[in-house]
Amino acid sequence: MKTELMGMVRLKILRAGSVGKLADTTSIDRAYLSRLARGLKENPSERVLDELGIERVSYYVWKDPKDEPQTEEECWLLLED
């Protein structure tokens, strides 16, 4: 399964020209970069993410889609302070 992280790492590799070139411009091992790009490695350290210019973000989602707001009024309730 392709993840967002895989796609981001693949884009960094594409823009660098190759896995080796990206490894040369960062302090990340080329084999590790390859595993990230293929989805064989997940949850890299903050140091690796910083080197790649990627930020880990956490957010909340509804478990049951029926719980999502159904009306404009309910949407506004979520935005109120």
C-alpha atoms as a PDB file:
ATOM      1  CA  MET A   1       0.000   0.000   0.000  1.00  0.00           C
ATOM      2  CA  LYS A   2       1.410   3.369  -1.003  1.00  0.00           C
ATOM      3  CA  THR A   3       1.564   5.839   1.850  1.00  0.00           C
ATOM      4  CA  GLU A   4       1.843   9.601   1.825  1.00  0.00           C
ATOM      5  CA  LEU A   5       5.356   9.295   3.272  1.00  0.00           C
ATOM      6  CA  MET A   6       6.402   6.971   0.443  1.00  0.00           C
ATOM      7  CA  GLY A   7       5.202   9.471  -2.121  1.00  0.00           C
ATOM      8  CA  MET A   8       6.997  12.345  -0.413  1.00  0.00           C
ATOM      9  CA  VAL A   9      10.275  10.416  -0.234  1.00  0.00           C
ATOM     10  CA  ARG A  10       9.912   9.361  -3.883  1.00  0.00           C
ATOM     11  CA  LEU A  11       9.411  12.995  -4.870  1.00  0.00           C
ATOM     12  CA  LYS A  12      12.552  14.026  -2.953  1.00  0.00           C
ATOM     13  CA  ILE A  13      14.494  11.264  -4.756  1.00  0.00           C
ATOM     14  CA  LEU A  14      13.100  12.332  -8.138  1.00  0.00           C
ATOM     15  CA  ARG A  15      14.039  15.953  -7.531  1.00  0.00           C
ATOM     16  CA  ALA A  16      17.524  14.997  -6.311  1.00  0.00           C
ATOM     17  CA  GLY A  17      18.101  12.847  -9.389  1.00  0.00           C
ATOM     18  CA  SER A  18      18.638   9.525  -7.627  1.00  0.00           C
ATOM     19  CA  VAL A  19      18.632   7.816  -4.254  1.00  0.00           C
ATOM     20  CA  GLY A  20      22.403   8.151  -4.160  1.00  0.00           C
ATOM     21  CA  LYS A  21      22.330  11.874  -4.826  1.00  0.00           C
ATOM     22  CA  LEU A  22      19.719  12.415  -2.113  1.00  0.00           C
ATOM     23  CA  ALA A  23      21.848  10.350   0.279  1.00  0.00           C
ATOM     24  CA  ASP A  24      24.861  12.493  -0.625  1.00  0.00           C
ATOM     25  CA  THR A  25      23.009  15.738   0.162  1.00  0.00           C
ATOM     26  CA  THR A  26      21.634  14.400   3.464  1.00  0.00           C
ATOM     27  CA  SER A  27      23.146  12.273   6.197  1.00  0.00           C
ATOM     28  CA  ILE A  28      20.671   9.469   5.457  1.00  0.00           C
ATOM     29  CA  ASP A  29      21.907   6.076   4.286  1.00  0.00           C
ATOM     30  CA  ARG A  30      20.893   5.307   0.680  1.00  0.00           C
ATOM     31  CA  ALA A  31      19.567   1.845   1.641  1.00  0.00           C
ATOM     32  CA  TYR A  32      17.362   3.417   4.319  1.00  0.00           C
ATOM     33  CA  LEU A  33      16.058   5.988   1.813  1.00  0.00           C
ATOM     34  CA  SER A  34      15.285   3.181  -0.606  1.00  0.00           C
ATOM     35  CA  ARG A  35      13.358   1.258   2.056  1.00  0.00           C
ATOM     36  CA  LEU A  36      11.370   4.402   2.938  1.00  0.00           C
ATOM     37  CA  ALA A  37      10.542   4.970  -0.736  1.00  0.00           C
ATOM     38  CA  ARG A  38       9.358   1.374  -1.139  1.00  0.00           C
ATOM     39  CA  GLY A  39       7.289   1.391   2.050  1.00  0.00           C
ATOM     40  CA  LEU A  40       9.465  -1.225   3.735  1.00  0.00           C
ATOM     41  CA  LYS A  41      10.351   1.182   6.516  1.00  0.00           C
ATOM     42  CA  GLU A  42       7.837   3.356   8.337  1.00  0.00           C
ATOM     43  CA  ASN A  43       7.927   5.885  11.151  1.00  0.00           C
ATOM     44  CA  PRO A  44      11.357   7.465  10.571  1.00  0.00           C
ATOM     45  CA  SER A  45      13.007   9.469  13.330  1.00  0.00           C
ATOM     46  CA  GLU A  46      12.541  13.211  13.645  1.00  0.00           C
ATOM     47  CA  ARG A  47      16.164  13.628  12.531  1.00  0.00           C
ATOM     48  CA  VAL A  48      15.480  11.798   9.260  1.00  0.00           C
ATOM     49  CA  LEU A  49      12.275  13.742   8.693  1.00  0.00           C
ATOM     50  CA  ASP A  50      14.136  17.011   9.327  1.00  0.00           C
ATOM     51  CA  GLU A  51      16.832  16.015   6.812  1.00  0.00           C
ATOM     52  CA  LEU A  52      14.105  15.358   4.237  1.00  0.00           C
ATOM     53  CA  GLY A  53      12.194  18.532   5.060  1.00  0.00           C
ATOM     54  CA  ILE A  54       9.124  16.537   6.090  1.00  0.00           C
ATOM     55  CA  GLU A  55       7.037  17.212   9.177  1.00  0.00           C
ATOM     56  CA  ARG A  56       5.018  14.561  11.004  1.00  0.00           C
ATOM     57  CA  VAL A  57       1.517  15.867  11.732  1.00  0.00           C
ATOM     58  CA  SER A  58      -1.109  14.281  13.922  1.00  0.00           C
ATOM     59  CA  TYR A  59      -4.817  14.955  13.540  1.00  0.00           C
ATOM     60  CA  TYR A  60      -8.203  13.639  14.589  1.00  0.00           C
ATOM     61  CA  VAL A  61     -10.794  11.957  12.374  1.00  0.00           C
ATOM     62  CA  TRP A  62     -14.213  10.486  13.025  1.00  0.00           C
ATOM     63  CA  LYS A  63     -14.209   6.698  13.474  1.00  0.00           C
ATOM     64  CA  ASP A  64     -17.768   6.464  12.221  1.00  0.00           C
ATOM     65  CA  PRO A  65     -18.679   8.634   9.198  1.00  0.00           C
ATOM     66  CA  LYS A  66     -22.186   8.993  10.644  1.00  0.00           C
ATOM     67  CA  ASP A  67     -20.652  11.167  13.373  1.00  0.00           C
ATOM     68  CA  GLU A  68     -19.443  13.766  10.869  1.00  0.00           C
ATOM     69  CA  PRO A  69     -21.417  17.035  10.814  1.00  0.00           C
ATOM     70  CA  GLN A  70     -24.475  16.771   8.592  1.00  0.00           C
ATOM     71  CA  THR A  71     -25.709  20.353   8.551  1.00  0.00           C
ATOM     72  CA  GLU A  72     -24.158  23.787   8.192  1.00  0.00           C
ATOM     73  CA  GLU A  73     -25.099  24.510  11.814  1.00  0.00           C
ATOM     74  CA  GLU A  74     -23.185  21.449  13.011  1.00  0.00           C
ATOM     75  CA  CYS A  75     -20.147  22.507  10.957  1.00  0.00           C
ATOM     76  CA  TRP A  76     -20.162  25.924  12.619  1.00  0.00           C
ATOM     77  CA  LEU A  77     -20.289  24.293  16.062  1.00  0.00           C
ATOM     78  CA  LEU A  78     -16.954  22.647  15.314  1.00  0.00           C
ATOM     79  CA  LEU A  79     -15.386  26.010  14.487  1.00  0.00           C
ATOM     80  CA  GLU A  80     -16.634  27.974  17.498  1.00  0.00           C
ATOM     81  CA  ASP A  81     -14.203  28.939  20.259  1.00  0.00           C
END
